[in-house]
């Protein structure tokens, strides 16, 4: 079973096999994230040729030993050639060597999936179908992005929660107590009413006053979510950018 993680690949060496469109996208993505990238192929796109900081190795691979040499220092191996036989050979060698693999030609063989991603108000969102359907994954991401961008209630919550966490870190040393307070204040109706109306500063002041007198808070996130959504779920899901103060 794969689990979603956000990873900093700046310490990685990524070897991409394939210099076409897919290989180019993967190479640029990891290069932009700070990884050392090597692309191995017979031919390279103009974009790869014109990009500084990516090592291009022009090679017609004939043996497993050549592959072993090319990926000896690799942390991640990306398979993206147009030859099934070559892809199979690269996979076999990389798997034997215990390398992480992103197989753009066979998702079932991938240890690492590269999701479609976006960002809304500082919240990063990544979606993958794990190779089942790129179309539906793309659409899912577009729907999520549009819903969040148009949801003023959620935007207000995000602004409040981000600032409240910063304020708690400055005023509460105990991380366990801070953790219990994050959701505790979100279950206080007067605080949420202020957030809903966009009165973030007032909501923060009230939340900090409440936090000063609460020691334990609530640490059961599932329970807190259930309580919050039972009170605000319908309005939160229906909220749009047209929400104004009464």
Protein backbone atom coordinates (compact mmCIF):
# COMPACT_ATOMS: atom_id res chain seq x y z
CA UNK A 1 0.00 0.00 0.00
CA UNK A 2 1.30 3.44 -0.94
CA UNK A 3 0.97 6.39 1.42
CA UNK A 4 0.93 10.08 0.41
CA UNK A 5 3.99 12.07 1.47
CA UNK A 6 5.44 15.45 0.62
CA UNK A 7 9.18 14.89 0.21
CA UNK A 8 12.04 17.31 -0.35
CA UNK A 9 14.12 15.69 -3.13
CA UNK A 10 16.90 18.29 -3.03
CA UNK A 11 19.33 15.67 -1.66
CA UNK A 12 18.37 13.09 -4.28
CA UNK A 13 19.97 11.98 -7.50
CA UNK A 14 17.22 11.21 -10.00
CA UNK A 15 17.99 9.23 -13.14
CA UNK A 16 15.38 9.52 -15.89
CA UNK A 17 15.39 7.03 -18.74
CA UNK A 18 13.70 8.62 -21.73
CA UNK A 19 14.17 12.04 -23.30
CA UNK A 20 10.67 12.49 -24.72
CA UNK A 21 7.75 14.52 -23.41
CA UNK A 22 7.12 12.42 -20.30
CA UNK A 23 10.79 12.11 -19.43
CA UNK A 24 11.18 15.84 -19.93
CA UNK A 25 8.28 16.65 -17.58
CA UNK A 26 9.66 14.36 -14.89
CA UNK A 27 13.21 15.68 -15.28
CA UNK A 28 12.12 19.32 -15.08
CA UNK A 29 9.88 18.67 -12.09
CA UNK A 30 12.64 17.08 -10.03
CA UNK A 31 15.23 19.58 -11.24
CA UNK A 32 12.99 22.48 -10.18
CA UNK A 33 12.62 20.82 -6.77
CA UNK A 34 16.40 20.86 -6.34
CA UNK A 35 17.33 17.29 -7.22
CA UNK A 36 20.41 16.33 -9.21
CA UNK A 37 18.92 15.02 -12.45
CA UNK A 38 20.45 12.80 -15.13
CA UNK A 39 18.52 11.94 -18.29
CA UNK A 40 19.57 8.92 -20.33
CA UNK A 41 18.22 8.65 -23.86
CA UNK A 42 18.99 8.34 -27.59
CA UNK A 43 17.35 11.69 -28.29
CA UNK A 44 16.33 14.66 -26.16
CA UNK A 45 13.61 17.28 -26.50
CA UNK A 46 14.71 20.82 -27.27
CA UNK A 47 13.47 21.80 -23.82
CA UNK A 48 15.92 19.40 -22.20
CA UNK A 49 18.75 20.55 -24.45
CA UNK A 50 18.09 24.16 -23.49
CA UNK A 51 17.77 23.57 -19.73
CA UNK A 52 20.82 24.16 -17.59
CA UNK A 53 21.51 21.94 -14.60
CA UNK A 54 20.37 18.63 -16.10
CA UNK A 55 22.98 16.05 -17.13
CA UNK A 56 22.16 14.54 -20.53
CA UNK A 57 23.64 11.12 -21.30
CA UNK A 58 23.18 10.09 -24.93
CA UNK A 59 23.31 6.32 -24.91
CA UNK A 60 21.83 3.31 -26.68
CA UNK A 61 21.55 0.87 -23.78
CA UNK A 62 22.37 -2.73 -24.62
CA UNK A 63 22.99 -4.45 -21.29
CA UNK A 64 21.99 -4.60 -17.63
CA UNK A 65 25.53 -3.73 -16.63
CA UNK A 66 25.16 -0.38 -18.41
CA UNK A 67 21.99 0.30 -16.46
CA UNK A 68 23.64 -0.66 -13.18
CA UNK A 69 26.44 1.79 -13.83
CA UNK A 70 24.01 4.59 -14.74
CA UNK A 71 21.86 4.20 -11.60
CA UNK A 72 24.51 3.26 -9.07
CA UNK A 73 24.17 6.64 -7.30
CA UNK A 74 20.44 7.06 -7.97
CA UNK A 75 17.90 7.61 -5.21
CA UNK A 76 15.03 7.48 -7.70
CA UNK A 77 14.83 5.87 -11.13
CA UNK A 78 12.24 7.17 -13.59
CA UNK A 79 11.28 4.87 -16.46
CA UNK A 80 9.85 6.70 -19.47
CA UNK A 81 11.21 5.23 -22.70
CA UNK A 82 9.13 4.08 -25.69
CA UNK A 83 10.63 0.58 -25.62
CA UNK A 84 8.78 -1.98 -23.50
CA UNK A 85 11.75 -4.34 -23.55
CA UNK A 86 14.11 -1.61 -22.35
CA UNK A 87 11.63 -0.45 -19.71
CA UNK A 88 11.32 -4.00 -18.41
CA UNK A 89 15.10 -4.34 -18.22
CA UNK A 90 15.51 -1.02 -16.40
CA UNK A 91 12.79 -2.00 -13.94
CA UNK A 92 14.37 -5.40 -13.28
CA UNK A 93 17.80 -3.89 -12.57
CA UNK A 94 16.49 -0.99 -10.47
CA UNK A 95 14.28 -3.31 -8.45
CA UNK A 96 17.15 -5.72 -7.82
CA UNK A 97 19.31 -2.80 -6.63
CA UNK A 98 16.60 -1.61 -4.22
CA UNK A 99 16.08 1.73 -5.94
CA UNK A 100 12.89 3.72 -5.66
CA UNK A 101 11.10 3.54 -9.00
CA UNK A 102 8.68 5.80 -10.83
CA UNK A 103 7.56 3.86 -13.89
CA UNK A 104 5.63 6.24 -16.13
CA UNK A 105 4.76 3.31 -18.40
CA UNK A 106 3.43 0.91 -15.76
CA UNK A 107 1.94 2.45 -12.61
CA UNK A 108 1.68 -0.91 -10.86
CA UNK A 109 5.48 -1.13 -10.81
CA UNK A 110 5.95 2.33 -9.30
CA UNK A 111 7.11 2.85 -5.73
CA UNK A 112 6.62 6.58 -6.28
CA UNK A 113 3.75 8.27 -8.09
CA UNK A 114 4.04 11.84 -9.35
CA UNK A 115 0.63 13.44 -8.67
CA UNK A 116 -1.14 16.33 -10.33
CA UNK A 117 -0.87 19.24 -7.93
CA UNK A 118 -1.94 22.78 -7.16
CA UNK A 119 -2.00 25.25 -4.28
CA UNK A 120 -4.86 27.29 -2.82
CA UNK A 121 -4.27 29.85 -0.07
CA UNK A 122 -1.06 28.09 1.00
CA UNK A 123 -2.69 24.65 1.08
CA UNK A 124 -0.99 22.23 -1.29
CA UNK A 125 -3.23 19.65 -2.94
CA UNK A 126 -2.00 16.56 -4.77
CA UNK A 127 -4.21 14.07 -6.61
CA UNK A 128 -3.40 10.75 -8.21
CA UNK A 129 -5.40 7.83 -9.54
CA UNK A 130 -2.25 5.69 -9.26
CA UNK A 131 -2.34 5.18 -13.00
CA UNK A 132 -6.01 4.26 -13.33
CA UNK A 133 -7.23 7.44 -15.02
CA UNK A 134 -5.27 10.63 -15.56
CA UNK A 135 -8.39 12.30 -16.96
CA UNK A 136 -10.47 11.79 -13.83
CA UNK A 137 -7.55 12.74 -11.57
CA UNK A 138 -7.05 15.98 -13.52
CA UNK A 139 -10.75 16.76 -13.25
CA UNK A 140 -10.82 15.94 -9.54
CA UNK A 141 -7.98 18.40 -8.95
CA UNK A 142 -9.75 21.11 -10.96
CA UNK A 143 -12.98 20.59 -9.00
CA UNK A 144 -11.23 20.71 -5.63
CA UNK A 145 -9.29 23.82 -6.62
CA UNK A 146 -12.38 25.67 -7.84
CA UNK A 147 -14.43 24.70 -4.77
CA UNK A 148 -11.78 25.95 -2.35
CA UNK A 149 -11.09 29.17 -4.25
CA UNK A 150 -14.81 30.01 -4.19
CA UNK A 151 -15.40 29.00 -0.57
CA UNK A 152 -15.03 32.15 1.54
CA UNK A 153 -15.94 30.36 4.77
CA UNK A 154 -13.07 27.90 4.26
CA UNK A 155 -10.71 30.72 3.24
CA UNK A 156 -11.56 32.52 6.48
CA UNK A 157 -10.97 29.33 8.50
CA UNK A 158 -7.61 28.88 6.81
CA UNK A 159 -6.53 32.44 7.61
CA UNK A 160 -7.66 32.08 11.20
CA UNK A 161 -6.13 28.64 11.78
CA UNK A 162 -2.77 29.65 10.32
CA UNK A 163 -2.48 32.74 12.49
CA UNK A 164 -3.87 31.00 15.58
CA UNK A 165 -1.21 28.29 15.34
CA UNK A 166 1.51 30.94 15.12
CA UNK A 167 0.10 32.77 18.14
CA UNK A 168 -0.14 29.58 20.19
CA UNK A 169 3.49 28.73 19.42
CA UNK A 170 4.48 32.15 20.77
CA UNK A 171 2.39 31.85 23.93
CA UNK A 172 2.14 28.14 24.78
CA UNK A 173 5.34 26.14 25.20
CA UNK A 174 3.76 22.72 25.72
CA UNK A 175 3.18 21.10 22.28
CA UNK A 176 0.61 18.66 23.71
CA UNK A 177 -1.45 21.52 25.07
CA UNK A 178 -1.18 23.40 21.77
CA UNK A 179 -2.37 20.33 19.88
CA UNK A 180 -5.41 20.07 22.14
CA UNK A 181 -6.27 23.73 21.63
CA UNK A 182 -6.26 23.80 17.83
CA UNK A 183 -9.58 22.00 17.52
CA UNK A 184 -10.94 23.04 20.91
CA UNK A 185 -11.35 26.65 19.81
CA UNK A 186 -12.94 25.54 16.54
CA UNK A 187 -15.73 23.97 18.58
CA UNK A 188 -16.55 27.30 20.24
CA UNK A 189 -19.51 28.72 18.32
CA UNK A 190 -18.75 32.43 19.03
CA UNK A 191 -15.27 31.98 17.56
CA UNK A 192 -16.58 30.30 14.41
CA UNK A 193 -19.30 32.93 13.99
CA UNK A 194 -16.61 35.60 13.90
CA UNK A 195 -14.55 33.56 11.46
CA UNK A 196 -17.56 33.01 9.22
CA UNK A 197 -18.17 36.75 9.06
CA UNK A 198 -14.55 37.44 8.24
CA UNK A 199 -13.73 39.11 11.56
CA UNK A 200 -10.44 37.25 11.89
CA UNK A 201 -8.75 39.62 14.36
CA UNK A 202 -11.73 39.48 16.73
CA UNK A 203 -11.89 35.70 16.39
CA UNK A 204 -8.20 35.41 17.26
CA UNK A 205 -8.57 37.61 20.32
CA UNK A 206 -11.50 35.56 21.59
CA UNK A 207 -9.73 32.28 20.78
CA UNK A 208 -6.62 33.31 22.72
CA UNK A 209 -8.76 34.32 25.70
CA UNK A 210 -10.41 30.90 25.61
CA UNK A 211 -7.07 29.13 25.20
CA UNK A 212 -5.61 30.79 28.30
CA UNK A 213 -8.24 29.13 30.48
CA UNK A 214 -8.22 25.68 28.85
CA UNK A 215 -5.57 23.15 29.81
CA UNK A 216 -6.40 19.95 27.95
CA UNK A 217 -8.50 20.88 24.93
CA UNK A 218 -9.46 18.11 22.52
CA UNK A 219 -7.06 15.65 20.91
CA UNK A 220 -9.54 13.30 19.25
CA UNK A 221 -9.49 14.81 15.75
CA UNK A 222 -12.14 12.48 14.33
CA UNK A 223 -14.53 13.39 17.14
CA UNK A 224 -13.76 17.10 16.77
CA UNK A 225 -14.35 16.96 13.01
CA UNK A 226 -17.64 15.18 13.53
CA UNK A 227 -18.85 17.79 16.02
CA UNK A 228 -17.70 20.69 13.85
CA UNK A 229 -19.29 19.32 10.68
CA UNK A 230 -22.56 18.54 12.43
CA UNK A 231 -22.76 22.25 13.33
CA UNK A 232 -21.20 23.92 10.30
CA UNK A 233 -20.88 21.27 7.59
CA UNK A 234 -23.87 22.23 5.47
CA UNK A 235 -22.97 25.91 5.48
CA UNK A 236 -19.30 25.22 4.91
CA UNK A 237 -19.99 23.02 1.88
CA UNK A 238 -22.49 25.52 0.49
CA UNK A 239 -20.31 28.56 1.13
CA UNK A 240 -19.27 30.72 -1.82
CA UNK A 241 -17.31 33.89 -2.31
CA UNK A 242 -20.60 35.82 -2.10
CA UNK A 243 -20.80 35.34 1.69
CA UNK A 244 -20.92 38.70 3.49
CA UNK A 245 -21.53 39.90 6.99
CA UNK A 246 -25.16 40.03 8.01
